[in-house]
Structure formats: C-alpha cells, structure tokens
Amino acid sequence: MKAFVLTRYGNNQEIQAADMPEPLVNAEDVLIQVKAASVNPVDFKIRDGQLKQVLPLRFPPHSGQRRGRRSDAGWGEGDAV
C-alpha cells in the first residue's frame, strides 16, 4: 500500500511517499480501500514538532495511523462504506 511517511520533524521536505506492507486482517477486522484522504491543522502541528511534548513520534510514522475504525454494521465484501 502507499503511504506518506515523515523522516523527522520539519516541513513538507520531510514527507516522502513510500510503499508499506499490507495490514494484517483478522476475522473480526474490516479492510477498506481508501479513495481519498485529507490532513488537518493538527497534522501540520504534529509534522512540525509543535506537539512532540504531548504526542511524541517514532520515525517513520505514516499519516493516518491513528485513524483506524471498526464497524459492526453488517456490510459485505465490496460494499461501499
């Protein structure tokens, strides 16, 4: 899968596109294909290191790693969610 990763705290120069391993999926998990993603002002502050006192990172993290969700709504394989 593709991901944007930080090599260290800093500006946009520290973000690189990278290939990451596919996530492991268990029987109780749902794997989704992301069609679009976004960043918000908190993401910029994390990247810049402004929040490293309260949210320290181990490099290289990838954007979106803290946004996993689980649903028990009964969707089937191939359903748009």
C-alpha atoms as a PDB file:
ATOM      1  CA  MET A   1       0.000   0.000   0.000  1.00  0.00           C
ATOM      2  CA  LYS A   2       1.098   3.590  -0.468  1.00  0.00           C
ATOM      3  CA  ALA A   3       1.623   5.945   2.462  1.00  0.00           C
ATOM      4  CA  PHE A   4       3.191   9.295   3.192  1.00  0.00           C
ATOM      5  CA  VAL A   5       5.848   8.996   5.881  1.00  0.00           C
ATOM      6  CA  LEU A   6       7.777  11.530   7.944  1.00  0.00           C
ATOM      7  CA  THR A   7      11.531  11.081   8.191  1.00  0.00           C
ATOM      8  CA  ARG A   8      11.836  13.604  11.048  1.00  0.00           C
ATOM      9  CA  TYR A   9      10.043  16.651  12.430  1.00  0.00           C
ATOM     10  CA  GLY A  10      10.075  19.528   9.970  1.00  0.00           C
ATOM     11  CA  ASN A  11       8.296  20.936   6.956  1.00  0.00           C
ATOM     12  CA  ASN A  12       6.957  19.334   3.768  1.00  0.00           C
ATOM     13  CA  GLN A  13      10.508  18.372   2.743  1.00  0.00           C
ATOM     14  CA  GLU A  14      10.437  15.661   5.439  1.00  0.00           C
ATOM     15  CA  ILE A  15       7.400  13.879   3.942  1.00  0.00           C
ATOM     16  CA  GLN A  16       8.017  11.108   1.414  1.00  0.00           C
ATOM     17  CA  ALA A  17       5.741   8.720  -0.483  1.00  0.00           C
ATOM     18  CA  ALA A  18       6.584   5.117   0.396  1.00  0.00           C
ATOM     19  CA  ASP A  19       5.398   1.557  -0.101  1.00  0.00           C
ATOM     20  CA  MET A  20       4.184  -0.010   3.140  1.00  0.00           C
ATOM     21  CA  PRO A  21       3.226  -3.622   3.840  1.00  0.00           C
ATOM     22  CA  GLU A  22      -0.447  -4.521   3.579  1.00  0.00           C
ATOM     23  CA  PRO A  23      -2.093  -4.542   7.025  1.00  0.00           C
ATOM     24  CA  LEU A  24      -2.829  -7.875   8.672  1.00  0.00           C
ATOM     25  CA  VAL A  25      -6.558  -8.546   8.723  1.00  0.00           C
ATOM     26  CA  ASN A  26      -8.172 -10.884  11.252  1.00  0.00           C
ATOM     27  CA  ALA A  27     -11.649 -12.418  11.049  1.00  0.00           C
ATOM     28  CA  GLU A  28     -13.136  -9.610  13.166  1.00  0.00           C
ATOM     29  CA  ASP A  29     -11.467  -6.824  11.118  1.00  0.00           C
ATOM     30  CA  VAL A  30     -12.682  -4.892   8.102  1.00  0.00           C
ATOM     31  CA  LEU A  31     -10.201  -3.901   5.405  1.00  0.00           C
ATOM     32  CA  ILE A  32     -11.218  -0.805   3.454  1.00  0.00           C
ATOM     33  CA  GLN A  33      -9.831   0.725   0.283  1.00  0.00           C
ATOM     34  CA  VAL A  34      -9.315   4.448   0.804  1.00  0.00           C
ATOM     35  CA  LYS A  35     -10.355   6.574  -2.163  1.00  0.00           C
ATOM     36  CA  ALA A  36      -9.414   9.938  -0.638  1.00  0.00           C
ATOM     37  CA  ALA A  37      -7.688  11.250   2.469  1.00  0.00           C
ATOM     38  CA  SER A  38      -7.022  14.632   3.996  1.00  0.00           C
ATOM     39  CA  VAL A  39      -4.869  16.383   6.549  1.00  0.00           C
ATOM     40  CA  ASN A  40      -5.926  18.961   9.098  1.00  0.00           C
ATOM     41  CA  PRO A  41      -4.174  21.665  11.140  1.00  0.00           C
ATOM     42  CA  VAL A  42      -3.308  19.191  13.918  1.00  0.00           C
ATOM     43  CA  ASP A  43      -1.446  17.039  11.350  1.00  0.00           C
ATOM     44  CA  PHE A  44       0.699  20.047  10.415  1.00  0.00           C
ATOM     45  CA  LYS A  45       1.484  20.720  14.072  1.00  0.00           C
ATOM     46  CA  ILE A  46       2.470  17.080  14.578  1.00  0.00           C
ATOM     47  CA  ARG A  47       4.687  17.220  11.461  1.00  0.00           C
ATOM     48  CA  ASP A  48       6.308  20.473  12.576  1.00  0.00           C
ATOM     49  CA  GLY A  49       7.041  19.039  16.048  1.00  0.00           C
ATOM     50  CA  GLN A  50       4.829  21.541  17.868  1.00  0.00           C
ATOM     51  CA  LEU A  51       3.066  18.692  19.736  1.00  0.00           C
ATOM     52  CA  LYS A  52       6.031  16.411  20.412  1.00  0.00           C
ATOM     53  CA  GLN A  53       5.819  17.055  24.165  1.00  0.00           C
ATOM     54  CA  VAL A  54       2.328  15.503  24.299  1.00  0.00           C
ATOM     55  CA  LEU A  55       2.434  13.314  21.175  1.00  0.00           C
ATOM     56  CA  PRO A  56       5.993  12.091  20.566  1.00  0.00           C
ATOM     57  CA  LEU A  57       6.520  10.118  17.361  1.00  0.00           C
ATOM     58  CA  ARG A  58       8.710   7.150  16.494  1.00  0.00           C
ATOM     59  CA  PHE A  59      10.011   7.676  12.987  1.00  0.00           C
ATOM     60  CA  PRO A  60       8.933   6.901  10.398  1.00  0.00           C
ATOM     61  CA  PRO A  61       5.235   7.164  11.297  1.00  0.00           C
ATOM     62  CA  HIS A  62       2.764   7.347   8.437  1.00  0.00           C
ATOM     63  CA  SER A  63      -0.137   9.731   8.168  1.00  0.00           C
ATOM     64  CA  GLY A  64      -3.453   8.252   9.179  1.00  0.00           C
ATOM     65  CA  GLN A  65      -2.065   5.599  11.516  1.00  0.00           C
ATOM     66  CA  ARG A  66      -4.233   6.794  14.380  1.00  0.00           C
ATOM     67  CA  ARG A  67      -7.477   6.811  12.420  1.00  0.00           C
ATOM     68  CA  GLY A  68      -8.425   3.141  12.329  1.00  0.00           C
ATOM     69  CA  ARG A  69     -12.084   2.426  12.916  1.00  0.00           C
ATOM     70  CA  ARG A  70     -14.181  -0.698  13.290  1.00  0.00           C
ATOM     71  CA  SER A  71     -17.785  -1.130  12.260  1.00  0.00           C
ATOM     72  CA  ASP A  72     -20.301  -3.803  13.182  1.00  0.00           C
ATOM     73  CA  ALA A  73     -22.911  -2.503  10.741  1.00  0.00           C
ATOM     74  CA  GLY A  74     -23.067  -5.694   8.674  1.00  0.00           C
ATOM     75  CA  TRP A  75     -21.518  -4.530   5.408  1.00  0.00           C
ATOM     76  CA  GLY A  76     -20.413  -7.232   2.995  1.00  0.00           C
ATOM     77  CA  GLU A  77     -17.308  -7.589   0.853  1.00  0.00           C
ATOM     78  CA  GLY A  78     -17.253  -4.987  -1.919  1.00  0.00           C
ATOM     79  CA  ASP A  79     -19.912  -2.745  -0.336  1.00  0.00           C
ATOM     80  CA  ALA A  80     -19.200   0.990  -0.446  1.00  0.00           C
ATOM     81  CA  VAL A  81     -18.948   2.416   3.074  1.00  0.00           C
END
